[in-house]
Full PDB file with SEQRES, HELIX, SHEET, SSBOND, CRYST1, ORIGX, SCALE, CONECT and MASTER records, all heavy atoms in Angstrom:
SEQRES   1 A   38  GLY ARG ARG THR LYS LYS GLU LYS VAL VAL THR LEU VAL          
SEQRES   2 A   38  GLU ARG GLY GLY ARG VAL ARG SER PHE HIS VAL LYS ARG          
SEQRES   3 A   38  VAL THR THR LYS ASN VAL GLU ARG ILE LEU GLU ALA              
HELIX    1 AA1 THR A   29  GLU A   37  1                                   9    
SHEET    1 AA1 2 LYS A   8  VAL A  13  0                                        
SHEET    2 AA1 2 VAL A  19  VAL A  24 -1                                        
CRYST1    1.000    1.000    1.000  90.00  90.00  90.00 P 1           1          
ORIGX1      1.000000  0.000000  0.000000        0.00000                         
ORIGX2      0.000000  1.000000  0.000000        0.00000                         
ORIGX3      0.000000  0.000000  1.000000        0.00000                         
SCALE1      1.000000  0.000000  0.000000        0.00000                         
SCALE2      0.000000  1.000000  0.000000        0.00000                         
SCALE3      0.000000  0.000000  1.000000        0.00000                         
ATOM      1  N   GLY A   1      38.085   3.974  63.606  1.00  0.00           N  
ATOM      2  CA  GLY A   1      38.145   5.375  63.951  1.00  0.00           C  
ATOM      3  C   GLY A   1      38.038   5.639  65.450  1.00  0.00           C  
ATOM      4  O   GLY A   1      38.241   6.759  65.877  1.00  0.00           O  
ATOM      5  N   ARG A   2      37.772   4.610  66.239  1.00  0.00           N  
ATOM      6  CA  ARG A   2      37.719   4.810  67.688  1.00  0.00           C  
ATOM      7  C   ARG A   2      39.141   4.927  68.230  1.00  0.00           C  
ATOM      8  O   ARG A   2      40.020   4.177  67.866  1.00  0.00           O  
ATOM      9  CB  ARG A   2      37.022   3.639  68.384  1.00  0.00           C  
ATOM     10  CG  ARG A   2      35.555   3.497  68.033  1.00  0.00           C  
ATOM     11  CD  ARG A   2      34.958   2.308  68.766  1.00  0.00           C  
ATOM     12  NE  ARG A   2      33.599   2.062  68.371  1.00  0.00           N  
ATOM     13  CZ  ARG A   2      32.881   1.004  68.780  1.00  0.00           C  
ATOM     14  NH1 ARG A   2      33.443   0.130  69.594  1.00  0.00           N  
ATOM     15  NH2 ARG A   2      31.647   0.824  68.371  1.00  0.00           N  
ATOM     16  N   ARG A   3      39.346   5.848  69.114  1.00  0.00           N  
ATOM     17  CA  ARG A   3      40.660   6.053  69.705  1.00  0.00           C  
ATOM     18  C   ARG A   3      40.760   5.252  71.000  1.00  0.00           C  
ATOM     19  O   ARG A   3      39.885   5.323  71.845  1.00  0.00           O  
ATOM     20  CB  ARG A   3      40.878   7.541  69.979  1.00  0.00           C  
ATOM     21  CG  ARG A   3      42.315   7.883  70.377  1.00  0.00           C  
ATOM     22  CD  ARG A   3      42.487   9.378  70.503  1.00  0.00           C  
ATOM     23  NE  ARG A   3      42.387  10.061  69.241  1.00  0.00           N  
ATOM     24  CZ  ARG A   3      43.393  10.213  68.409  1.00  0.00           C  
ATOM     25  NH1 ARG A   3      44.563   9.683  68.672  1.00  0.00           N  
ATOM     26  NH2 ARG A   3      43.237  10.866  67.270  1.00  0.00           N  
ATOM     27  N   THR A   4      41.820   4.450  71.123  1.00  0.00           N  
ATOM     28  CA  THR A   4      41.991   3.653  72.333  1.00  0.00           C  
ATOM     29  C   THR A   4      42.340   4.550  73.502  1.00  0.00           C  
ATOM     30  O   THR A   4      42.819   5.670  73.319  1.00  0.00           O  
ATOM     31  CB  THR A   4      43.107   2.598  72.130  1.00  0.00           C  
ATOM     32  OG1 THR A   4      44.315   3.267  71.753  1.00  0.00           O  
ATOM     33  CG2 THR A   4      42.715   1.613  71.040  1.00  0.00           C  
ATOM     34  N   LYS A   5      42.124   4.059  74.695  1.00  0.00           N  
ATOM     35  CA  LYS A   5      42.348   4.841  75.910  1.00  0.00           C  
ATOM     36  C   LYS A   5      43.836   5.129  76.106  1.00  0.00           C  
ATOM     37  O   LYS A   5      44.682   4.262  75.943  1.00  0.00           O  
ATOM     38  CB  LYS A   5      41.805   4.060  77.106  1.00  0.00           C  
ATOM     39  CG  LYS A   5      42.031   4.760  78.440  1.00  0.00           C  
ATOM     40  CD  LYS A   5      41.568   3.887  79.583  1.00  0.00           C  
ATOM     41  CE  LYS A   5      41.893   4.523  80.934  1.00  0.00           C  
ATOM     42  NZ  LYS A   5      41.515   3.637  82.058  1.00  0.00           N  
ATOM     43  N   LYS A   6      44.142   6.367  76.471  1.00  0.00           N  
ATOM     44  CA  LYS A   6      45.514   6.721  76.766  1.00  0.00           C  
ATOM     45  C   LYS A   6      45.842   6.356  78.211  1.00  0.00           C  
ATOM     46  O   LYS A   6      45.049   6.582  79.116  1.00  0.00           O  
ATOM     47  CB  LYS A   6      45.741   8.224  76.561  1.00  0.00           C  
ATOM     48  CG  LYS A   6      45.891   8.650  75.110  1.00  0.00           C  
ATOM     49  CD  LYS A   6      46.181  10.131  75.016  1.00  0.00           C  
ATOM     50  CE  LYS A   6      46.436  10.557  73.570  1.00  0.00           C  
ATOM     51  NZ  LYS A   6      47.707  10.068  73.068  1.00  0.00           N  
ATOM     52  N   GLU A   7      47.023   5.780  78.413  1.00  0.00           N  
ATOM     53  CA  GLU A   7      47.500   5.443  79.751  1.00  0.00           C  
ATOM     54  C   GLU A   7      48.489   6.498  80.207  1.00  0.00           C  
ATOM     55  O   GLU A   7      49.326   6.951  79.415  1.00  0.00           O  
ATOM     56  CB  GLU A   7      48.142   4.052  79.750  1.00  0.00           C  
ATOM     57  CG  GLU A   7      47.218   2.934  79.291  1.00  0.00           C  
ATOM     58  CD  GLU A   7      46.018   2.719  80.201  1.00  0.00           C  
ATOM     59  OE1 GLU A   7      46.086   3.153  81.376  1.00  0.00           O  
ATOM     60  OE2 GLU A   7      45.030   2.130  79.748  1.00  0.00           O  
ATOM     61  N   LYS A   8      48.407   6.871  81.476  1.00  0.00           N  
ATOM     62  CA  LYS A   8      49.245   7.941  82.005  1.00  0.00           C  
ATOM     63  C   LYS A   8      50.381   7.387  82.864  1.00  0.00           C  
ATOM     64  O   LYS A   8      50.151   6.534  83.714  1.00  0.00           O  
ATOM     65  CB  LYS A   8      48.421   8.918  82.851  1.00  0.00           C  
ATOM     66  CG  LYS A   8      47.282   9.612  82.094  1.00  0.00           C  
ATOM     67  CD  LYS A   8      46.008   8.837  82.161  1.00  0.00           C  
ATOM     68  CE  LYS A   8      44.839   9.563  81.514  1.00  0.00           C  
ATOM     69  NZ  LYS A   8      43.636   8.704  81.422  1.00  0.00           N  
ATOM     70  N   VAL A   9      51.566   7.880  82.631  1.00  0.00           N  
ATOM     71  CA  VAL A   9      52.754   7.446  83.390  1.00  0.00           C  
ATOM     72  C   VAL A   9      53.494   8.692  83.857  1.00  0.00           C  
ATOM     73  O   VAL A   9      53.773   9.596  83.058  1.00  0.00           O  
ATOM     74  CB  VAL A   9      53.691   6.573  82.525  1.00  0.00           C  
ATOM     75  CG1 VAL A   9      54.985   6.277  83.283  1.00  0.00           C  
ATOM     76  CG2 VAL A   9      52.983   5.278  82.151  1.00  0.00           C  
ATOM     77  N   VAL A  10      53.804   8.746  85.159  1.00  0.00           N  
ATOM     78  CA  VAL A  10      54.588   9.823  85.739  1.00  0.00           C  
ATOM     79  C   VAL A  10      55.994   9.282  85.991  1.00  0.00           C  
ATOM     80  O   VAL A  10      56.153   8.222  86.577  1.00  0.00           O  
ATOM     81  CB  VAL A  10      53.968  10.324  87.064  1.00  0.00           C  
ATOM     82  CG1 VAL A  10      54.871  11.370  87.722  1.00  0.00           C  
ATOM     83  CG2 VAL A  10      52.585  10.918  86.804  1.00  0.00           C  
ATOM     84  N   THR A  11      57.000  10.035  85.540  1.00  0.00           N  
ATOM     85  CA  THR A  11      58.373   9.559  85.618  1.00  0.00           C  
ATOM     86  C   THR A  11      59.266  10.566  86.331  1.00  0.00           C  
ATOM     87  O   THR A  11      59.158  11.776  86.100  1.00  0.00           O  
ATOM     88  CB  THR A  11      58.942   9.278  84.220  1.00  0.00           C  
ATOM     89  OG1 THR A  11      58.194   8.212  83.612  1.00  0.00           O  
ATOM     90  CG2 THR A  11      60.411   8.866  84.282  1.00  0.00           C  
ATOM     91  N   LEU A  12      60.136  10.042  87.197  1.00  0.00           N  
ATOM     92  CA  LEU A  12      61.154  10.842  87.889  1.00  0.00           C  
ATOM     93  C   LEU A  12      62.519  10.371  87.386  1.00  0.00           C  
ATOM     94  O   LEU A  12      62.814   9.167  87.460  1.00  0.00           O  
ATOM     95  CB  LEU A  12      61.090  10.655  89.410  1.00  0.00           C  
ATOM     96  CG  LEU A  12      59.878  11.186  90.196  1.00  0.00           C  
ATOM     97  CD1 LEU A  12      58.625  10.373  89.913  1.00  0.00           C  
ATOM     98  CD2 LEU A  12      60.190  11.157  91.673  1.00  0.00           C  
ATOM     99  N   VAL A  13      63.336  11.305  86.909  1.00  0.00           N  
ATOM    100  CA  VAL A  13      64.674  10.967  86.429  1.00  0.00           C  
ATOM    101  C   VAL A  13      65.691  11.840  87.171  1.00  0.00           C  
ATOM    102  O   VAL A  13      65.607  13.068  87.130  1.00  0.00           O  
ATOM    103  CB  VAL A  13      64.825  11.186  84.917  1.00  0.00           C  
ATOM    104  CG1 VAL A  13      66.251  10.863  84.481  1.00  0.00           C  
ATOM    105  CG2 VAL A  13      63.850  10.336  84.141  1.00  0.00           C  
ATOM    106  N   GLU A  14      66.625  11.185  87.846  1.00  0.00           N  
ATOM    107  CA  GLU A  14      67.712  11.901  88.493  1.00  0.00           C  
ATOM    108  C   GLU A  14      68.842  12.066  87.481  1.00  0.00           C  
ATOM    109  O   GLU A  14      69.301  11.087  86.895  1.00  0.00           O  
ATOM    110  CB  GLU A  14      68.197  11.118  89.710  1.00  0.00           C  
ATOM    111  CG  GLU A  14      69.272  11.824  90.503  1.00  0.00           C  
ATOM    112  CD  GLU A  14      69.679  11.048  91.751  1.00  0.00           C  
ATOM    113  OE1 GLU A  14      68.909  10.138  92.162  1.00  0.00           O  
ATOM    114  OE2 GLU A  14      70.755  11.335  92.293  1.00  0.00           O  
ATOM    115  N   ARG A  15      69.266  13.285  87.252  1.00  0.00           N  
ATOM    116  CA  ARG A  15      70.327  13.511  86.263  1.00  0.00           C  
ATOM    117  C   ARG A  15      71.596  12.748  86.657  1.00  0.00           C  
ATOM    118  O   ARG A  15      72.117  12.924  87.748  1.00  0.00           O  
ATOM    119  CB  ARG A  15      70.637  15.004  86.156  1.00  0.00           C  
ATOM    120  CG  ARG A  15      69.535  15.822  85.498  1.00  0.00           C  
ATOM    121  CD  ARG A  15      69.898  17.268  85.362  1.00  0.00           C  
ATOM    122  NE  ARG A  15      68.769  18.053  84.877  1.00  0.00           N  
ATOM    123  CZ  ARG A  15      68.757  19.388  84.832  1.00  0.00           C  
ATOM    124  NH1 ARG A  15      69.826  20.061  85.196  1.00  0.00           N  
ATOM    125  NH2 ARG A  15      67.673  20.020  84.383  1.00  0.00           N  
ATOM    126  N   GLY A  16      72.018  11.881  85.739  1.00  0.00           N  
ATOM    127  CA  GLY A  16      73.190  11.061  86.012  1.00  0.00           C  
ATOM    128  C   GLY A  16      72.914   9.883  86.910  1.00  0.00           C  
ATOM    129  O   GLY A  16      73.839   9.187  87.333  1.00  0.00           O  
ATOM    130  N   GLY A  17      71.619   9.640  87.213  1.00  0.00           N  
ATOM    131  CA  GLY A  17      71.275   8.564  88.133  1.00  0.00           C  
ATOM    132  C   GLY A  17      70.113   7.709  87.670  1.00  0.00           C  
ATOM    133  O   GLY A  17      70.000   7.377  86.489  1.00  0.00           O  
ATOM    134  N   ARG A  18      69.243   7.402  88.615  1.00  0.00           N  
ATOM    135  CA  ARG A  18      68.174   6.428  88.372  1.00  0.00           C  
ATOM    136  C   ARG A  18      66.915   7.068  87.788  1.00  0.00           C  
ATOM    137  O   ARG A  18      66.772   8.291  87.763  1.00  0.00           O  
ATOM    138  CB  ARG A  18      67.811   5.745  89.700  1.00  0.00           C  
ATOM    139  CG  ARG A  18      68.933   4.973  90.341  1.00  0.00           C  
ATOM    140  CD  ARG A  18      68.594   4.611  91.791  1.00  0.00           C  
ATOM    141  NE  ARG A  18      68.568   5.815  92.646  1.00  0.00           N  
ATOM    142  CZ  ARG A  18      68.156   5.809  93.903  1.00  0.00           C  
ATOM    143  NH1 ARG A  18      67.699   4.698  94.441  1.00  0.00           N  
ATOM    144  NH2 ARG A  18      68.193   6.930  94.617  1.00  0.00           N  
ATOM    145  N   VAL A  19      66.010   6.188  87.370  1.00  0.00           N  
ATOM    146  CA  VAL A  19      64.708   6.632  86.892  1.00  0.00           C  
ATOM    147  C   VAL A  19      63.638   5.732  87.503  1.00  0.00           C  
ATOM    148  O   VAL A  19      63.873   4.526  87.705  1.00  0.00           O  
ATOM    149  CB  VAL A  19      64.640   6.571  85.342  1.00  0.00           C  
ATOM    150  CG1 VAL A  19      64.939   5.175  84.829  1.00  0.00           C  
ATOM    151  CG2 VAL A  19      63.264   7.014  84.837  1.00  0.00           C  
ATOM    152  N   ARG A  20      62.489   6.303  87.834  1.00  0.00           N  
ATOM    153  CA  ARG A  20      61.354   5.525  88.335  1.00  0.00           C  
ATOM    154  C   ARG A  20      60.091   6.051  87.683  1.00  0.00           C  
ATOM    155  O   ARG A  20      59.851   7.254  87.638  1.00  0.00           O  
ATOM    156  CB  ARG A  20      61.226   5.662  89.868  1.00  0.00           C  
ATOM    157  CG  ARG A  20      62.291   4.882  90.613  1.00  0.00           C  
ATOM    158  CD  ARG A  20      62.125   4.984  92.117  1.00  0.00           C  
ATOM    159  NE  ARG A  20      63.349   4.542  92.781  1.00  0.00           N  
ATOM    160  CZ  ARG A  20      63.721   4.933  93.992  1.00  0.00           C  
ATOM    161  NH1 ARG A  20      62.958   5.767  94.682  1.00  0.00           N  
ATOM    162  NH2 ARG A  20      64.844   4.490  94.524  1.00  0.00           N  
ATOM    163  N   SER A  21      59.268   5.111  87.208  1.00  0.00           N  
ATOM    164  CA  SER A  21      58.028   5.466  86.534  1.00  0.00           C  
ATOM    165  C   SER A  21      56.846   4.839  87.243  1.00  0.00           C  
ATOM    166  O   SER A  21      56.947   3.723  87.765  1.00  0.00           O  
ATOM    167  CB  SER A  21      58.063   5.001  85.065  1.00  0.00           C  
ATOM    168  OG  SER A  21      59.144   5.595  84.381  1.00  0.00           O  
ATOM    169  N   PHE A  22      55.697   5.526  87.185  1.00  0.00           N  
ATOM    170  CA  PHE A  22      54.509   5.066  87.904  1.00  0.00           C  
ATOM    171  C   PHE A  22      53.273   5.236  87.007  1.00  0.00           C  
ATOM    172  O   PHE A  22      53.009   6.336  86.507  1.00  0.00           O  
ATOM    173  CB  PHE A  22      54.332   5.856  89.203  1.00  0.00           C  
ATOM    174  CG  PHE A  22      55.501   5.743  90.129  1.00  0.00           C  
ATOM    175  CD1 PHE A  22      56.562   6.647  90.029  1.00  0.00           C  
ATOM    176  CD2 PHE A  22      55.571   4.727  91.062  1.00  0.00           C  
ATOM    177  CE1 PHE A  22      57.658   6.546  90.862  1.00  0.00           C  
ATOM    178  CE2 PHE A  22      56.675   4.608  91.901  1.00  0.00           C  
ATOM    179  CZ  PHE A  22      57.728   5.517  91.802  1.00  0.00           C  
ATOM    180  N   HIS A  23      52.563   4.146  86.824  1.00  0.00           N  
ATOM    181  CA  HIS A  23      51.324   4.160  86.048  1.00  0.00           C  
ATOM    182  C   HIS A  23      50.210   4.683  86.954  1.00  0.00           C  
ATOM    183  O   HIS A  23      49.952   4.133  88.025  1.00  0.00           O  
ATOM    184  CB  HIS A  23      51.012   2.736  85.570  1.00  0.00           C  
ATOM    185  CG  HIS A  23      49.773   2.657  84.745  1.00  0.00           C  
ATOM    186  ND1 HIS A  23      49.050   1.469  84.598  1.00  0.00           N  
ATOM    187  CD2 HIS A  23      49.107   3.586  84.011  1.00  0.00           C  
ATOM    188  CE1 HIS A  23      48.014   1.682  83.824  1.00  0.00           C  
ATOM    189  NE2 HIS A  23      48.018   2.957  83.460  1.00  0.00           N  
ATOM    190  N   VAL A  24      49.555   5.764  86.551  1.00  0.00           N  
ATOM    191  CA  VAL A  24      48.499   6.366  87.360  1.00  0.00           C  
ATOM    192  C   VAL A  24      47.217   6.469  86.549  1.00  0.00           C  
ATOM    193  O   VAL A  24      47.235   6.501  85.310  1.00  0.00           O  
ATOM    194  CB  VAL A  24      48.904   7.780  87.847  1.00  0.00           C  
ATOM    195  CG1 VAL A  24      50.113   7.688  88.786  1.00  0.00           C  
ATOM    196  CG2 VAL A  24      49.227   8.699  86.677  1.00  0.00           C  
ATOM    197  N   LYS A  25      46.082   6.504  87.253  1.00  0.00           N  
ATOM    198  CA  LYS A  25      44.807   6.620  86.566  1.00  0.00           C  
ATOM    199  C   LYS A  25      44.621   8.039  86.020  1.00  0.00           C  
ATOM    200  O   LYS A  25      44.097   8.232  84.932  1.00  0.00           O  
ATOM    201  CB  LYS A  25      43.660   6.271  87.525  1.00  0.00           C  
ATOM    202  CG  LYS A  25      43.576   4.800  87.853  1.00  0.00           C  
ATOM    203  CD  LYS A  25      42.352   4.510  88.701  1.00  0.00           C  
ATOM    204  CE  LYS A  25      42.224   3.010  88.987  1.00  0.00           C  
ATOM    205  NZ  LYS A  25      41.025   2.709  89.819  1.00  0.00           N  
ATOM    206  N   ARG A  26      45.036   9.039  86.826  1.00  0.00           N  
ATOM    207  CA  ARG A  26      44.921  10.431  86.412  1.00  0.00           C  
ATOM    208  C   ARG A  26      46.141  11.193  86.869  1.00  0.00           C  
ATOM    209  O   ARG A  26      46.687  10.908  87.949  1.00  0.00           O  
ATOM    210  CB  ARG A  26      43.659  11.077  87.013  1.00  0.00           C  
ATOM    211  CG  ARG A  26      42.349  10.506  86.519  1.00  0.00           C  
ATOM    212  CD  ARG A  26      41.185  11.254  87.155  1.00  0.00           C  
ATOM    213  NE  ARG A  26      41.207  12.666  86.812  1.00  0.00           N  
ATOM    214  CZ  ARG A  26      40.565  13.616  87.520  1.00  0.00           C  
ATOM    215  NH1 ARG A  26      39.887  13.284  88.599  1.00  0.00           N  
ATOM    216  NH2 ARG A  26      40.623  14.878  87.129  1.00  0.00           N  
ATOM    217  N   VAL A  27      46.576  12.134  86.057  1.00  0.00           N  
ATOM    218  CA  VAL A  27      47.709  12.991  86.440  1.00  0.00           C  
ATOM    219  C   VAL A  27      47.145  14.218  87.143  1.00  0.00           C  
ATOM    220  O   VAL A  27      46.701  15.178  86.507  1.00  0.00           O  
ATOM    221  CB  VAL A  27      48.547  13.397  85.219  1.00  0.00           C  
ATOM    222  CG1 VAL A  27      49.721  14.284  85.647  1.00  0.00           C  
ATOM    223  CG2 VAL A  27      49.060  12.167  84.486  1.00  0.00           C  
ATOM    224  N   THR A  28      47.122  14.177  88.455  1.00  0.00           N  
ATOM    225  CA  THR A  28      46.622  15.273  89.262  1.00  0.00           C  
ATOM    226  C   THR A  28      47.684  15.673  90.287  1.00  0.00           C  
ATOM    227  O   THR A  28      48.619  14.911  90.560  1.00  0.00           O  
ATOM    228  CB  THR A  28      45.336  14.879  90.015  1.00  0.00           C  
ATOM    229  OG1 THR A  28      45.643  13.810  90.942  1.00  0.00           O  
ATOM    230  CG2 THR A  28      44.257  14.420  89.048  1.00  0.00           C  
ATOM    231  N   THR A  29      47.537  16.845  90.849  1.00  0.00           N  
ATOM    232  CA  THR A  29      48.474  17.314  91.868  1.00  0.00           C  
ATOM    233  C   THR A  29      48.519  16.342  93.039  1.00  0.00           C  
ATOM    234  O   THR A  29      49.607  16.033  93.563  1.00  0.00           O  
ATOM    235  CB  THR A  29      48.075  18.716  92.355  1.00  0.00           C  
ATOM    236  OG1 THR A  29      48.113  19.622  91.260  1.00  0.00           O  
ATOM    237  CG2 THR A  29      49.028  19.203  93.440  1.00  0.00           C  
ATOM    238  N   LYS A  30      47.367  15.843  93.448  1.00  0.00           N  
ATOM    239  CA  LYS A  30      47.319  14.921  94.586  1.00  0.00           C  
ATOM    240  C   LYS A  30      48.059  13.619  94.294  1.00  0.00           C  
ATOM    241  O   LYS A  30      48.819  13.117  95.125  1.00  0.00           O  
ATOM    242  CB  LYS A  30      45.851  14.626  94.922  1.00  0.00           C  
ATOM    243  CG  LYS A  30      45.672  13.849  96.213  1.00  0.00           C  
ATOM    244  CD  LYS A  30      44.199  13.713  96.551  1.00  0.00           C  
ATOM    245  CE  LYS A  30      44.000  12.961  97.870  1.00  0.00           C  
ATOM    246  NZ  LYS A  30      42.564  12.843  98.206  1.00  0.00           N  
ATOM    247  N   ASN A  31      47.833  13.050  93.116  1.00  0.00           N  
ATOM    248  CA  ASN A  31      48.489  11.791  92.766  1.00  0.00           C  
ATOM    249  C   ASN A  31      50.007  11.963  92.640  1.00  0.00           C  
ATOM    250  O   ASN A  31      50.767  11.124  93.111  1.00  0.00           O  
ATOM    251  CB  ASN A  31      47.924  11.253  91.452  1.00  0.00           C  
ATOM    252  CG  ASN A  31      46.535  10.682  91.599  1.00  0.00           C  
ATOM    253  OD1 ASN A  31      46.090  10.398  92.712  1.00  0.00           O  
ATOM    254  ND2 ASN A  31      45.822  10.530  90.498  1.00  0.00           N  
ATOM    255  N   VAL A  32      50.428  13.047  91.986  1.00  0.00           N  
ATOM    256  CA  VAL A  32      51.872  13.289  91.827  1.00  0.00           C  
ATOM    257  C   VAL A  32      52.514  13.598  93.174  1.00  0.00           C  
ATOM    258  O   VAL A  32      53.637  13.168  93.444  1.00  0.00           O  
ATOM    259  CB  VAL A  32      52.116  14.446  90.836  1.00  0.00           C  
ATOM    260  CG1 VAL A  32      53.599  14.780  90.755  1.00  0.00           C  
ATOM    261  CG2 VAL A  32      51.578  14.073  89.461  1.00  0.00           C  
ATOM    262  N   GLU A  33      51.811  14.306  94.027  1.00  0.00           N  
ATOM    263  CA  GLU A  33      52.348  14.637  95.361  1.00  0.00           C  
ATOM    264  C   GLU A  33      52.628  13.364  96.161  1.00  0.00           C  
ATOM    265  O   GLU A  33      53.656  13.263  96.839  1.00  0.00           O  
ATOM    266  CB  GLU A  33      51.350  15.513  96.124  1.00  0.00           C  
ATOM    267  CG  GLU A  33      51.874  15.969  97.483  1.00  0.00           C  
ATOM    268  CD  GLU A  33      50.899  16.899  98.178  1.00  0.00           C  
ATOM    269  OE1 GLU A  33      49.682  16.838  97.878  1.00  0.00           O  
ATOM    270  OE2 GLU A  33      51.348  17.688  99.026  1.00  0.00           O  
ATOM    271  N   ARG A  34      51.730  12.371  96.078  1.00  0.00           N  
ATOM    272  CA  ARG A  34      51.941  11.106  96.797  1.00  0.00           C  
ATOM    273  C   ARG A  34      53.222  10.427  96.300  1.00  0.00           C  
ATOM    274  O   ARG A  34      53.996   9.891  97.086  1.00  0.00           O  
ATOM    275  CB  ARG A  34      50.753  10.162  96.558  1.00  0.00           C  
ATOM    276  CG  ARG A  34      49.497  10.520  97.309  1.00  0.00           C  
ATOM    277  CD  ARG A  34      48.580   9.314  97.422  1.00  0.00           C  
ATOM    278  NE  ARG A  34      47.222   9.708  97.724  1.00  0.00           N  
ATOM    279  CZ  ARG A  34      46.239   9.804  96.841  1.00  0.00           C  
ATOM    280  NH1 ARG A  34      46.472   9.541  95.573  1.00  0.00           N  
ATOM    281  NH2 ARG A  34      45.022  10.163  97.202  1.00  0.00           N  
ATOM    282  N   ILE A  35      53.430  10.437  94.994  1.00  0.00           N  
ATOM    283  CA  ILE A  35      54.619   9.797  94.412  1.00  0.00           C  
ATOM    284  C   ILE A  35      55.875  10.515  94.868  1.00  0.00           C  
ATOM    285  O   ILE A  35      56.846   9.867  95.297  1.00  0.00           O  
ATOM    286  CB  ILE A  35      54.515   9.791  92.874  1.00  0.00           C  
ATOM    287  CG1 ILE A  35      53.375   8.889  92.417  1.00  0.00           C  
ATOM    288  CG2 ILE A  35      55.830   9.336  92.244  1.00  0.00           C  
ATOM    289  CD1 ILE A  35      53.071   8.968  90.936  1.00  0.00           C  
ATOM    290  N   LEU A  36      55.870  11.844  94.797  1.00  0.00           N  
ATOM    291  CA  LEU A  36      57.070  12.596  95.175  1.00  0.00           C  
ATOM    292  C   LEU A  36      57.390  12.440  96.660  1.00  0.00           C  
ATOM    293  O   LEU A  36      58.564  12.317  97.044  1.00  0.00           O  
ATOM    294  CB  LEU A  36      56.879  14.079  94.828  1.00  0.00           C  
ATOM    295  CG  LEU A  36      56.740  14.429  93.350  1.00  0.00           C  
ATOM    296  CD1 LEU A  36      56.683  15.933  93.171  1.00  0.00           C  
ATOM    297  CD2 LEU A  36      57.874  13.859  92.546  1.00  0.00           C  
ATOM    298  N   GLU A  37      56.381  12.445  97.507  1.00  0.00           N  
ATOM    299  CA  GLU A  37      56.613  12.277  98.944  1.00  0.00           C  
ATOM    300  C   GLU A  37      57.272  10.938  99.254  1.00  0.00           C  
ATOM    301  O   GLU A  37      58.111  10.847 100.133  1.00  0.00           O  
ATOM    302  CB  GLU A  37      55.291  12.399  99.705  1.00  0.00           C  
ATOM    303  CG  GLU A  37      54.760  13.811  99.817  1.00  0.00           C  
ATOM    304  CD  GLU A  37      53.450  13.882 100.579  1.00  0.00           C  
ATOM    305  OE1 GLU A  37      52.880  12.793 100.866  1.00  0.00           O  
ATOM    306  OE2 GLU A  37      52.990  14.983 100.876  1.00  0.00           O  
ATOM    307  N   ALA A  38      56.867   9.885  98.517  1.00  0.00           N  
ATOM    308  CA  ALA A  38      57.395   8.550  98.778  1.00  0.00           C  
ATOM    309  C   ALA A  38      58.749   8.299  98.114  1.00  0.00           C  
ATOM    310  O   ALA A  38      59.529   7.479  98.608  1.00  0.00           O  
ATOM    311  CB  ALA A  38      56.383   7.494  98.307  1.00  0.00           C  
TER     312      ALA A  38                                                      
MASTER        0    0    0    1    2    0    0    6  311    1    0    3          
END                                                                             
């Protein structure tokens, strides 16, 4: 009955193009902002 830990992944998909995914500890504005800037 114990629930295993959920892992968070942020993904960017360009329509008709590439995709990039990033495993993050927490989905926060700061963490997502770093990914988008890079």
